[in-house]
PDB file of all heavy atoms in Angstrom:
ATOM      1  N   LYS A   1       0.845  -1.207   0.000  1.00  0.00           N
ATOM      2  CA  LYS A   1       0.000   0.000   0.000  1.00  0.00           C
ATOM      3  C   LYS A   1       0.876   1.251   0.000  1.00  0.00           C
ATOM      4  O   LYS A   1       0.602   2.211  -0.716  1.00  0.00           O
ATOM      5  CB  LYS A   1      -0.925   0.005   1.219  1.00  0.00           C
ATOM      6  CG  LYS A   1      -2.026  -1.023   1.157  1.00  0.00           C
ATOM      7  CD  LYS A   1      -2.830  -1.015   2.449  1.00  0.00           C
ATOM      8  CE  LYS A   1      -3.791  -2.186   2.472  1.00  0.00           C
ATOM      9  NZ  LYS A   1      -4.486  -2.299   3.749  1.00  0.00           N
ATOM     10  N   SER A   2       1.940   1.223   0.808  1.00  0.00           N
ATOM     11  CA  SER A   2       2.859   2.362   0.868  1.00  0.00           C
ATOM     12  C   SER A   2       3.525   2.602  -0.478  1.00  0.00           C
ATOM     13  O   SER A   2       3.683   3.751  -0.898  1.00  0.00           O
ATOM     14  CB  SER A   2       3.927   2.125   1.933  1.00  0.00           C
ATOM     15  OG  SER A   2       3.342   2.093   3.207  1.00  0.00           O
ATOM     16  N   GLU A   3       3.918   1.526  -1.150  1.00  0.00           N
ATOM     17  CA  GLU A   3       4.524   1.655  -2.490  1.00  0.00           C
ATOM     18  C   GLU A   3       3.552   2.312  -3.466  1.00  0.00           C
ATOM     19  O   GLU A   3       3.936   3.180  -4.245  1.00  0.00           O
ATOM     20  CB  GLU A   3       4.916   0.286  -3.037  1.00  0.00           C
ATOM     21  CG  GLU A   3       6.177  -0.299  -2.477  1.00  0.00           C
ATOM     22  CD  GLU A   3       6.522  -1.613  -3.158  1.00  0.00           C
ATOM     23  OE1 GLU A   3       5.597  -2.394  -3.480  1.00  0.00           O
ATOM     24  OE2 GLU A   3       7.716  -1.849  -3.376  1.00  0.00           O
ATOM     25  N   GLN A   4       2.304   1.870  -3.433  1.00  0.00           N
ATOM     26  CA  GLN A   4       1.305   2.420  -4.352  1.00  0.00           C
ATOM     27  C   GLN A   4       1.046   3.896  -4.068  1.00  0.00           C
ATOM     28  O   GLN A   4       0.925   4.707  -4.993  1.00  0.00           O
ATOM     29  CB  GLN A   4       0.013   1.596  -4.274  1.00  0.00           C
ATOM     30  CG  GLN A   4       0.184   0.193  -4.834  1.00  0.00           C
ATOM     31  CD  GLN A   4      -0.992  -0.713  -4.518  1.00  0.00           C
ATOM     32  OE1 GLN A   4      -1.542  -0.675  -3.428  1.00  0.00           O
ATOM     33  NE2 GLN A   4      -1.356  -1.542  -5.481  1.00  0.00           N
ATOM     34  N   LEU A   5       0.970   4.271  -2.796  1.00  0.00           N
ATOM     35  CA  LEU A   5       0.759   5.677  -2.450  1.00  0.00           C
ATOM     36  C   LEU A   5       1.980   6.529  -2.791  1.00  0.00           C
ATOM     37  O   LEU A   5       1.844   7.683  -3.201  1.00  0.00           O
ATOM     38  CB  LEU A   5       0.395   5.806  -0.971  1.00  0.00           C
ATOM     39  CG  LEU A   5      -1.002   5.290  -0.615  1.00  0.00           C
ATOM     40  CD1 LEU A   5      -1.176   5.256   0.899  1.00  0.00           C
ATOM     41  CD2 LEU A   5      -2.081   6.138  -1.272  1.00  0.00           C
ATOM     42  N   ALA A   6       3.166   5.959  -2.653  1.00  0.00           N
ATOM     43  CA  ALA A   6       4.389   6.679  -3.034  1.00  0.00           C
ATOM     44  C   ALA A   6       4.397   6.932  -4.541  1.00  0.00           C
ATOM     45  O   ALA A   6       4.800   8.009  -4.997  1.00  0.00           O
ATOM     46  CB  ALA A   6       5.620   5.888  -2.613  1.00  0.00           C
ATOM     47  N   GLY A   7       3.940   5.961  -5.330  1.00  0.00           N
ATOM     48  CA  GLY A   7       3.847   6.142  -6.779  1.00  0.00           C
ATOM     49  C   GLY A   7       2.888   7.261  -7.140  1.00  0.00           C
ATOM     50  O   GLY A   7       3.147   8.066  -8.042  1.00  0.00           O
ATOM     51  N   ARG A   8       1.775   7.338  -6.415  1.00  0.00           N
ATOM     52  CA  ARG A   8       0.807   8.414  -6.634  1.00  0.00           C
ATOM     53  C   ARG A   8       1.452   9.760  -6.333  1.00  0.00           C
ATOM     54  O   ARG A   8       1.287  10.731  -7.087  1.00  0.00           O
ATOM     55  CB  ARG A   8      -0.413   8.194  -5.746  1.00  0.00           C
ATOM     56  CG  ARG A   8      -1.407   9.325  -5.767  1.00  0.00           C
ATOM     57  CD  ARG A   8      -2.618   9.008  -4.873  1.00  0.00           C
ATOM     58  NE  ARG A   8      -3.503  10.135  -4.803  1.00  0.00           N
ATOM     59  CZ  ARG A   8      -3.627  10.926  -3.734  1.00  0.00           C
ATOM     60  NH1 ARG A   8      -2.934  10.685  -2.646  1.00  0.00           N
ATOM     61  NH2 ARG A   8      -4.451  11.950  -3.761  1.00  0.00           N
ATOM     62  N   ALA A   9       2.199   9.843  -5.233  1.00  0.00           N
ATOM     63  CA  ALA A   9       2.860  11.094  -4.855  1.00  0.00           C
ATOM     64  C   ALA A   9       3.851  11.535  -5.925  1.00  0.00           C
ATOM     65  O   ALA A   9       3.937  12.729  -6.250  1.00  0.00           O
ATOM     66  CB  ALA A   9       3.565  10.922  -3.513  1.00  0.00           C
ATOM     67  N   VAL A  10       4.580  10.586  -6.504  1.00  0.00           N
ATOM     68  CA  VAL A  10       5.540  10.911  -7.568  1.00  0.00           C
ATOM     69  C   VAL A  10       4.799  11.458  -8.790  1.00  0.00           C
ATOM     70  O   VAL A  10       5.213  12.463  -9.380  1.00  0.00           O
ATOM     71  CB  VAL A  10       6.386   9.668  -7.935  1.00  0.00           C
ATOM     72  CG1 VAL A  10       7.176   9.902  -9.223  1.00  0.00           C
ATOM     73  CG2 VAL A  10       7.326   9.306  -6.791  1.00  0.00           C
ATOM     74  N   ASP A  11       3.700  10.803  -9.164  1.00  0.00           N
ATOM     75  CA  ASP A  11       2.921  11.268 -10.319  1.00  0.00           C
ATOM     76  C   ASP A  11       2.386  12.686 -10.097  1.00  0.00           C
ATOM     77  O   ASP A  11       2.490  13.548 -10.979  1.00  0.00           O
ATOM     78  CB  ASP A  11       1.743  10.330 -10.595  1.00  0.00           C
ATOM     79  CG  ASP A  11       2.171   8.990 -11.152  1.00  0.00           C
ATOM     80  OD1 ASP A  11       3.322   8.864 -11.624  1.00  0.00           O
ATOM     81  OD2 ASP A  11       1.345   8.052 -11.117  1.00  0.00           O
ATOM     82  N   LEU A  12       1.815  12.933  -8.920  1.00  0.00           N
ATOM     83  CA  LEU A  12       1.262  14.253  -8.645  1.00  0.00           C
ATOM     84  C   LEU A  12       2.358  15.321  -8.600  1.00  0.00           C
ATOM     85  O   LEU A  12       2.161  16.436  -9.097  1.00  0.00           O
ATOM     86  CB  LEU A  12       0.474  14.239  -7.333  1.00  0.00           C
ATOM     87  CG  LEU A  12      -0.807  13.393  -7.341  1.00  0.00           C
ATOM     88  CD1 LEU A  12      -1.454  13.407  -5.959  1.00  0.00           C
ATOM     89  CD2 LEU A  12      -1.790  13.866  -8.404  1.00  0.00           C
ATOM     90  N   ALA A  13       3.504  14.987  -8.035  1.00  0.00           N
ATOM     91  CA  ALA A  13       4.624  15.938  -7.995  1.00  0.00           C
ATOM     92  C   ALA A  13       5.111  16.267  -9.405  1.00  0.00           C
ATOM     93  O   ALA A  13       5.419  17.423  -9.709  1.00  0.00           O
ATOM     94  CB  ALA A  13       5.767  15.376  -7.152  1.00  0.00           C
ATOM     95  N   MET A  14       5.162  15.249 -10.278  1.00  0.00           N
ATOM     96  CA  MET A  14       5.607  15.473 -11.651  1.00  0.00           C
ATOM     97  C   MET A  14       4.680  16.468 -12.354  1.00  0.00           C
ATOM     98  O   MET A  14       5.132  17.421 -12.983  1.00  0.00           O
ATOM     99  CB  MET A  14       5.635  14.155 -12.428  1.00  0.00           C
ATOM    100  CG  MET A  14       5.999  14.329 -13.897  1.00  0.00           C
ATOM    101  SD  MET A  14       5.628  12.891 -14.917  1.00  0.00           S
ATOM    102  CE  MET A  14       3.847  12.857 -14.869  1.00  0.00           C
ATOM    103  N   TYR A  15       3.361  16.252 -12.227  1.00  0.00           N
ATOM    104  CA  TYR A  15       2.422  17.170 -12.859  1.00  0.00           C
ATOM    105  C   TYR A  15       2.492  18.555 -12.221  1.00  0.00           C
ATOM    106  O   TYR A  15       2.372  19.573 -12.911  1.00  0.00           O
ATOM    107  CB  TYR A  15       0.993  16.615 -12.816  1.00  0.00           C
ATOM    108  CG  TYR A  15       0.769  15.551 -13.852  1.00  0.00           C
ATOM    109  CD1 TYR A  15       0.603  14.224 -13.488  1.00  0.00           C
ATOM    110  CD2 TYR A  15       0.737  15.868 -15.202  1.00  0.00           C
ATOM    111  CE1 TYR A  15       0.404  13.236 -14.446  1.00  0.00           C
ATOM    112  CE2 TYR A  15       0.547  14.897 -16.169  1.00  0.00           C
ATOM    113  CZ  TYR A  15       0.374  13.583 -15.785  1.00  0.00           C
ATOM    114  OH  TYR A  15       0.186  12.614 -16.734  1.00  0.00           O
ATOM    115  N   GLY A  16       2.694  18.622 -10.914  1.00  0.00           N
ATOM    116  CA  GLY A  16       2.845  19.905 -10.244  1.00  0.00           C
ATOM    117  C   GLY A  16       4.048  20.671 -10.776  1.00  0.00           C
ATOM    118  O   GLY A  16       3.977  21.878 -11.004  1.00  0.00           O
ATOM    119  N   ASN A  17       5.145  19.964 -11.015  1.00  0.00           N
ATOM    120  CA  ASN A  17       6.343  20.598 -11.574  1.00  0.00           C
ATOM    121  C   ASN A  17       6.120  21.100 -12.993  1.00  0.00           C
ATOM    122  O   ASN A  17       6.827  21.994 -13.454  1.00  0.00           O
ATOM    123  CB  ASN A  17       7.525  19.629 -11.543  1.00  0.00           C
ATOM    124  CG  ASN A  17       8.037  19.385 -10.140  1.00  0.00           C
ATOM    125  OD1 ASN A  17       7.816  20.189  -9.247  1.00  0.00           O
ATOM    126  ND2 ASN A  17       8.698  18.259  -9.935  1.00  0.00           N
ATOM    127  N   LEU A  18       5.140  20.520 -13.684  1.00  0.00           N
ATOM    128  CA  LEU A  18       4.815  20.954 -15.048  1.00  0.00           C
ATOM    129  C   LEU A  18       3.773  22.077 -15.055  1.00  0.00           C
ATOM    130  O   LEU A  18       3.334  22.517 -16.120  1.00  0.00           O
ATOM    131  CB  LEU A  18       4.292  19.762 -15.869  1.00  0.00           C
ATOM    132  CG  LEU A  18       5.301  18.661 -16.160  1.00  0.00           C
ATOM    133  CD1 LEU A  18       4.614  17.461 -16.814  1.00  0.00           C
ATOM    134  CD2 LEU A  18       6.435  19.175 -17.044  1.00  0.00           C
ATOM    135  N   GLY A  19       3.359  22.530 -13.860  1.00  0.00           N
ATOM    136  CA  GLY A  19       2.430  23.649 -13.773  1.00  0.00           C
ATOM    137  C   GLY A  19       0.969  23.265 -13.651  1.00  0.00           C
ATOM    138  O   GLY A  19       0.100  24.125 -13.727  1.00  0.00           O
ATOM    139  N   TYR A  20       0.684  21.985 -13.461  1.00  0.00           N
ATOM    140  CA  TYR A  20      -0.707  21.560 -13.285  1.00  0.00           C
ATOM    141  C   TYR A  20      -1.168  21.863 -11.867  1.00  0.00           C
ATOM    142  O   TYR A  20      -0.382  21.837 -10.928  1.00  0.00           O
ATOM    143  CB  TYR A  20      -0.856  20.050 -13.548  1.00  0.00           C
ATOM    144  CG  TYR A  20      -0.856  19.690 -15.010  1.00  0.00           C
ATOM    145  CD1 TYR A  20       0.321  19.623 -15.731  1.00  0.00           C
ATOM    146  CD2 TYR A  20      -2.043  19.423 -15.677  1.00  0.00           C
ATOM    147  CE1 TYR A  20       0.330  19.296 -17.077  1.00  0.00           C
ATOM    148  CE2 TYR A  20      -2.054  19.091 -17.020  1.00  0.00           C
ATOM    149  CZ  TYR A  20      -0.868  19.027 -17.716  1.00  0.00           C
ATOM    150  OH  TYR A  20      -0.863  18.705 -19.045  1.00  0.00           O
ATOM    151  N   GLN A  21      -2.468  22.139 -11.738  1.00  0.00           N
ATOM    152  CA  GLN A  21      -3.069  22.401 -10.437  1.00  0.00           C
ATOM    153  C   GLN A  21      -4.131  21.336 -10.166  1.00  0.00           C
ATOM    154  O   GLN A  21      -4.894  20.959 -11.070  1.00  0.00           O
ATOM    155  CB  GLN A  21      -3.729  23.768 -10.410  1.00  0.00           C
ATOM    156  CG  GLN A  21      -2.752  24.907 -10.582  1.00  0.00           C
ATOM    157  CD  GLN A  21      -3.462  26.248 -10.615  1.00  0.00           C
ATOM    158  OE1 GLN A  21      -4.606  26.348 -11.046  1.00  0.00           O
ATOM    159  NE2 GLN A  21      -2.775  27.281 -10.164  1.00  0.00           N
ATOM    160  N   LEU A  22      -4.199  20.885  -8.926  1.00  0.00           N
ATOM    161  CA  LEU A  22      -5.169  19.875  -8.535  1.00  0.00           C
ATOM    162  C   LEU A  22      -6.559  20.486  -8.490  1.00  0.00           C
ATOM    163  O   LEU A  22      -6.781  21.499  -7.838  1.00  0.00           O
ATOM    164  CB  LEU A  22      -4.799  19.291  -7.171  1.00  0.00           C
ATOM    165  CG  LEU A  22      -5.686  18.163  -6.644  1.00  0.00           C
ATOM    166  CD1 LEU A  22      -5.572  16.937  -7.552  1.00  0.00           C
ATOM    167  CD2 LEU A  22      -5.291  17.807  -5.220  1.00  0.00           C
ATOM    168  N   LEU A  23      -7.497  19.875  -9.211  1.00  0.00           N
ATOM    169  CA  LEU A  23      -8.883  20.332  -9.211  1.00  0.00           C
ATOM    170  C   LEU A  23      -9.719  19.562  -8.205  1.00  0.00           C
ATOM    171  O   LEU A  23     -10.512  20.134  -7.469  1.00  0.00           O
ATOM    172  CB  LEU A  23      -9.526  20.132 -10.594  1.00  0.00           C
ATOM    173  CG  LEU A  23      -9.135  21.059 -11.703  1.00  0.00           C
ATOM    174  CD1 LEU A  23      -9.840  20.658 -12.991  1.00  0.00           C
ATOM    175  CD2 LEU A  23      -9.494  22.484 -11.351  1.00  0.00           C
ATOM    176  N   SER A  24      -9.561  18.237  -8.212  1.00  0.00           N
ATOM    177  CA  SER A  24     -10.391  17.426  -7.326  1.00  0.00           C
ATOM    178  C   SER A  24      -9.740  16.075  -7.078  1.00  0.00           C
ATOM    179  O   SER A  24      -8.918  15.603  -7.859  1.00  0.00           O
ATOM    180  CB  SER A  24     -11.781  17.215  -7.929  1.00  0.00           C
ATOM    181  OG  SER A  24     -11.697  16.418  -9.093  1.00  0.00           O
ATOM    182  N   THR A  25     -10.138  15.485  -5.959  1.00  0.00           N
ATOM    183  CA  THR A  25      -9.724  14.135  -5.609  1.00  0.00           C
ATOM    184  C   THR A  25     -10.988  13.374  -5.223  1.00  0.00           C
ATOM    185  O   THR A  25     -11.774  13.856  -4.409  1.00  0.00           O
ATOM    186  CB  THR A  25      -8.722  14.137  -4.434  1.00  0.00           C
ATOM    187  OG1 THR A  25      -7.554  14.855  -4.837  1.00  0.00           O
ATOM    188  CG2 THR A  25      -8.317  12.727  -4.045  1.00  0.00           C
ATOM    189  N   LEU A  26     -11.146  12.210  -5.822  1.00  0.00           N
ATOM    190  CA  LEU A  26     -12.321  11.379  -5.571  1.00  0.00           C
ATOM    191  C   LEU A  26     -11.846  10.005  -5.120  1.00  0.00           C
ATOM    192  O   LEU A  26     -10.969   9.414  -5.744  1.00  0.00           O
ATOM    193  CB  LEU A  26     -13.152  11.258  -6.851  1.00  0.00           C
ATOM    194  CG  LEU A  26     -14.356  10.330  -6.831  1.00  0.00           C
ATOM    195  CD1 LEU A  26     -15.425  10.880  -5.892  1.00  0.00           C
ATOM    196  CD2 LEU A  26     -14.923  10.182  -8.229  1.00  0.00           C
ATOM    197  N   LYS A  27     -12.412   9.535  -4.027  1.00  0.00           N
ATOM    198  CA  LYS A  27     -12.076   8.199  -3.537  1.00  0.00           C
ATOM    199  C   LYS A  27     -13.274   7.292  -3.769  1.00  0.00           C
ATOM    200  O   LYS A  27     -14.384   7.604  -3.351  1.00  0.00           O
ATOM    201  CB  LYS A  27     -11.741   8.243  -2.043  1.00  0.00           C
ATOM    202  CG  LYS A  27     -11.368   6.893  -1.471  1.00  0.00           C
ATOM    203  CD  LYS A  27     -10.970   7.001  -0.004  1.00  0.00           C
ATOM    204  CE  LYS A  27     -12.149   6.700   0.862  1.00  0.00           C
ATOM    205  NZ  LYS A  27     -11.848   6.576   2.277  1.00  0.00           N
ATOM    206  N   VAL A  28     -13.042   6.174  -4.465  1.00  0.00           N
ATOM    207  CA  VAL A  28     -14.096   5.211  -4.764  1.00  0.00           C
ATOM    208  C   VAL A  28     -13.728   3.896  -4.092  1.00  0.00           C
ATOM    209  O   VAL A  28     -12.675   3.325  -4.381  1.00  0.00           O
ATOM    210  CB  VAL A  28     -14.249   5.005  -6.292  1.00  0.00           C
ATOM    211  CG1 VAL A  28     -15.351   4.000  -6.580  1.00  0.00           C
ATOM    212  CG2 VAL A  28     -14.504   6.324  -6.994  1.00  0.00           C
ATOM    213  N   GLU A  29     -14.574   3.444  -3.196  1.00  0.00           N
ATOM    214  CA  GLU A  29     -14.315   2.190  -2.503  1.00  0.00           C
ATOM    215  C   GLU A  29     -15.078   1.062  -3.188  1.00  0.00           C
ATOM    216  O   GLU A  29     -16.264   1.175  -3.444  1.00  0.00           O
ATOM    217  CB  GLU A  29     -14.724   2.294  -1.037  1.00  0.00           C
ATOM    218  CG  GLU A  29     -13.883   3.306  -0.278  1.00  0.00           C
ATOM    219  CD  GLU A  29     -14.170   3.321   1.207  1.00  0.00           C
ATOM    220  OE1 GLU A  29     -14.419   2.248   1.774  1.00  0.00           O
ATOM    221  OE2 GLU A  29     -14.131   4.417   1.777  1.00  0.00           O
ATOM    222  N   GLY A  30     -14.346  -0.010  -3.507  1.00  0.00           N
ATOM    223  CA  GLY A  30     -14.944  -1.170  -4.139  1.00  0.00           C
ATOM    224  C   GLY A  30     -14.661  -2.406  -3.317  1.00  0.00           C
ATOM    225  O   GLY A  30     -14.099  -2.334  -2.224  1.00  0.00           O
ATOM    226  N   ASP A  31     -15.032  -3.527  -3.855  1.00  0.00           N
ATOM    227  CA  ASP A  31     -14.813  -4.788  -3.171  1.00  0.00           C
ATOM    228  C   ASP A  31     -13.337  -5.159  -3.266  1.00  0.00           C
ATOM    229  O   ASP A  31     -12.862  -5.547  -4.326  1.00  0.00           O
ATOM    230  CB  ASP A  31     -15.694  -5.877  -3.792  1.00  0.00           C
ATOM    231  CG  ASP A  31     -15.620  -7.181  -3.022  1.00  0.00           C
ATOM    232  OD1 ASP A  31     -15.445  -7.126  -1.788  1.00  0.00           O
ATOM    233  OD2 ASP A  31     -15.720  -8.246  -3.661  1.00  0.00           O
ATOM    234  N   GLY A  32     -12.606  -4.995  -2.184  1.00  0.00           N
ATOM    235  CA  GLY A  32     -11.200  -5.369  -2.166  1.00  0.00           C
ATOM    236  C   GLY A  32     -10.233  -4.312  -2.642  1.00  0.00           C
ATOM    237  O   GLY A  32      -9.038  -4.569  -2.728  1.00  0.00           O
ATOM    238  N   SER A  33     -10.727  -3.120  -2.960  1.00  0.00           N
ATOM    239  CA  SER A  33      -9.803  -2.070  -3.413  1.00  0.00           C
ATOM    240  C   SER A  33     -10.397  -0.685  -3.177  1.00  0.00           C
ATOM    241  O   SER A  33     -11.601  -0.528  -2.996  1.00  0.00           O
ATOM    242  CB  SER A  33      -9.471  -2.230  -4.890  1.00  0.00           C
ATOM    243  OG  SER A  33     -10.614  -1.973  -5.669  1.00  0.00           O
ATOM    244  N   ILE A  34      -9.513   0.271  -3.185  1.00  0.00           N
ATOM    245  CA  ILE A  34      -9.885   1.694  -3.129  1.00  0.00           C
ATOM    246  C   ILE A  34      -9.202   2.356  -4.319  1.00  0.00           C
ATOM    247  O   ILE A  34      -8.010   2.148  -4.552  1.00  0.00           O
ATOM    248  CB  ILE A  34      -9.417   2.347  -1.824  1.00  0.00           C
ATOM    249  CG1 ILE A  34     -10.122   1.715  -0.628  1.00  0.00           C
ATOM    250  CG2 ILE A  34      -9.637   3.856  -1.856  1.00  0.00           C
ATOM    251  CD1 ILE A  34      -9.569   2.147   0.712  1.00  0.00           C
ATOM    252  N   THR A  35      -9.957   3.126  -5.079  1.00  0.00           N
ATOM    253  CA  THR A  35      -9.395   3.861  -6.211  1.00  0.00           C
ATOM    254  C   THR A  35      -9.448   5.349  -5.898  1.00  0.00           C
ATOM    255  O   THR A  35     -10.480   5.860  -5.479  1.00  0.00           O
ATOM    256  CB  THR A  35     -10.162   3.550  -7.507  1.00  0.00           C
ATOM    257  OG1 THR A  35     -10.075   2.156  -7.768  1.00  0.00           O
ATOM    258  CG2 THR A  35      -9.591   4.319  -8.688  1.00  0.00           C
ATOM    259  N   ILE A  36      -8.320   6.004  -6.096  1.00  0.00           N
ATOM    260  CA  ILE A  36      -8.231   7.453  -5.894  1.00  0.00           C
ATOM    261  C   ILE A  36      -8.039   8.089  -7.270  1.00  0.00           C
ATOM    262  O   ILE A  36      -7.104   7.746  -7.989  1.00  0.00           O
ATOM    263  CB  ILE A  36      -7.051   7.813  -4.976  1.00  0.00           C
ATOM    264  CG1 ILE A  36      -7.187   7.104  -3.627  1.00  0.00           C
ATOM    265  CG2 ILE A  36      -6.960   9.330  -4.796  1.00  0.00           C
ATOM    266  CD1 ILE A  36      -5.953   7.195  -2.769  1.00  0.00           C
ATOM    267  N   LEU A  37      -8.950   8.986  -7.631  1.00  0.00           N
ATOM    268  CA  LEU A  37      -8.886   9.684  -8.919  1.00  0.00           C
ATOM    269  C   LEU A  37      -8.574  11.157  -8.650  1.00  0.00           C
ATOM    270  O   LEU A  37      -9.368  11.856  -8.032  1.00  0.00           O
ATOM    271  CB  LEU A  37     -10.211   9.569  -9.665  1.00  0.00           C
ATOM    272  CG  LEU A  37     -10.650   8.150 -10.039  1.00  0.00           C
ATOM    273  CD1 LEU A  37     -12.091   8.154 -10.516  1.00  0.00           C
ATOM    274  CD2 LEU A  37      -9.731   7.597 -11.092  1.00  0.00           C
ATOM    275  N   ASP A  38      -7.414  11.589  -9.102  1.00  0.00           N
ATOM    276  CA  ASP A  38      -7.016  12.987  -8.975  1.00  0.00           C
ATOM    277  C   ASP A  38      -7.150  13.645 -10.347  1.00  0.00           C
ATOM    278  O   ASP A  38      -6.630  13.128 -11.330  1.00  0.00           O
ATOM    279  CB  ASP A  38      -5.558  13.085  -8.514  1.00  0.00           C
ATOM    280  CG  ASP A  38      -5.351  12.485  -7.135  1.00  0.00           C
ATOM    281  OD1 ASP A  38      -5.884  13.062  -6.178  1.00  0.00           O
ATOM    282  OD2 ASP A  38      -4.667  11.457  -7.023  1.00  0.00           O
ATOM    283  N   THR A  39      -7.867  14.772 -10.397  1.00  0.00           N
ATOM    284  CA  THR A  39      -8.017  15.505 -11.650  1.00  0.00           C
ATOM    285  C   THR A  39      -7.228  16.804 -11.542  1.00  0.00           C
ATOM    286  O   THR A  39      -7.361  17.541 -10.566  1.00  0.00           O
ATOM    287  CB  THR A  39      -9.511  15.803 -11.918  1.00  0.00           C
ATOM    288  OG1 THR A  39     -10.219  14.558 -11.925  1.00  0.00           O
ATOM    289  CG2 THR A  39      -9.682  16.491 -13.260  1.00  0.00           C
ATOM    290  N   LEU A  40      -6.388  17.029 -12.551  1.00  0.00           N
ATOM    291  CA  LEU A  40      -5.523  18.205 -12.567  1.00  0.00           C
ATOM    292  C   LEU A  40      -5.760  19.003 -13.846  1.00  0.00           C
ATOM    293  O   LEU A  40      -6.185  18.440 -14.859  1.00  0.00           O
ATOM    294  CB  LEU A  40      -4.058  17.775 -12.499  1.00  0.00           C
ATOM    295  CG  LEU A  40      -3.691  16.920 -11.291  1.00  0.00           C
ATOM    296  CD1 LEU A  40      -3.571  15.477 -11.715  1.00  0.00           C
ATOM    297  CD2 LEU A  40      -2.417  17.389 -10.670  1.00  0.00           C
ATOM    298  N   GLN A  41      -5.463  20.302 -13.792  1.00  0.00           N
ATOM    299  CA  GLN A  41      -5.599  21.142 -14.989  1.00  0.00           C
ATOM    300  C   GLN A  41      -4.368  22.014 -15.164  1.00  0.00           C
ATOM    301  O   GLN A  41      -3.669  22.332 -14.208  1.00  0.00           O
ATOM    302  CB  GLN A  41      -6.842  22.034 -14.890  1.00  0.00           C
ATOM    303  CG  GLN A  41      -6.699  23.193 -13.951  1.00  0.00           C
ATOM    304  CD  GLN A  41      -7.878  24.140 -13.987  1.00  0.00           C
ATOM    305  OE1 GLN A  41      -8.886  23.864 -14.631  1.00  0.00           O
ATOM    306  NE2 GLN A  41      -7.764  25.271 -13.307  1.00  0.00           N
ATOM    307  N   HIS A  42      -4.169  22.379 -16.425  1.00  0.00           N
ATOM    308  CA  HIS A  42      -3.067  23.284 -16.788  1.00  0.00           C
ATOM    309  C   HIS A  42      -3.572  24.173 -17.914  1.00  0.00           C
ATOM    310  O   HIS A  42      -4.113  23.683 -18.912  1.00  0.00           O
ATOM    311  CB  HIS A  42      -1.857  22.483 -17.264  1.00  0.00           C
ATOM    312  CG  HIS A  42      -0.681  23.312 -17.624  1.00  0.00           C
ATOM    313  ND1 HIS A  42      -0.444  23.752 -18.906  1.00  0.00           N
ATOM    314  CD2 HIS A  42       0.318  23.796 -16.873  1.00  0.00           C
ATOM    315  CE1 HIS A  42       0.675  24.460 -18.919  1.00  0.00           C
ATOM    316  NE2 HIS A  42       1.152  24.503 -17.710  1.00  0.00           N
ATOM    317  N   ARG A  43      -3.436  25.476 -17.740  1.00  0.00           N
ATOM    318  CA  ARG A  43      -3.888  26.420 -18.768  1.00  0.00           C
ATOM    319  C   ARG A  43      -2.989  26.282 -19.993  1.00  0.00           C
ATOM    320  O   ARG A  43      -1.767  26.299 -19.886  1.00  0.00           O
ATOM    321  CB  ARG A  43      -3.826  27.839 -18.237  1.00  0.00           C
ATOM    322  CG  ARG A  43      -4.310  28.865 -19.258  1.00  0.00           C
ATOM    323  CD  ARG A  43      -4.349  30.270 -18.699  1.00  0.00           C
ATOM    324  NE  ARG A  43      -5.488  30.418 -17.808  1.00  0.00           N
ATOM    325  CZ  ARG A  43      -5.390  30.702 -16.509  1.00  0.00           C
ATOM    326  NH1 ARG A  43      -4.219  30.879 -15.936  1.00  0.00           N
ATOM    327  NH2 ARG A  43      -6.466  30.826 -15.776  1.00  0.00           N
ATOM    328  N   LYS A  44      -3.605  26.110 -21.150  1.00  0.00           N
ATOM    329  CA  LYS A  44      -2.832  26.037 -22.403  1.00  0.00           C
ATOM    330  C   LYS A  44      -2.381  27.428 -22.790  1.00  0.00           C
ATOM    331  O   LYS A  44      -3.095  28.405 -22.595  1.00  0.00           O
ATOM    332  CB  LYS A  44      -3.699  25.471 -23.540  1.00  0.00           C
ATOM    333  CG  LYS A  44      -3.979  24.013 -23.441  1.00  0.00           C
ATOM    334  CD  LYS A  44      -4.717  23.546 -24.680  1.00  0.00           C
ATOM    335  CE  LYS A  44      -4.952  22.057 -24.662  1.00  0.00           C
ATOM    336  NZ  LYS A  44      -5.638  21.616 -25.891  1.00  0.00           N
TER     337      LYS A  44
END
């Protein structure tokens, strides 16, 4: 679980370094898993 969350942190940091801003985070709980959906935007 820690590895998976660390991977998420790396992805979000990469987009942050490219100028993206976090719009929303959605957590979806399913049978045997949790999915976190982060939506980011960057002005063209």
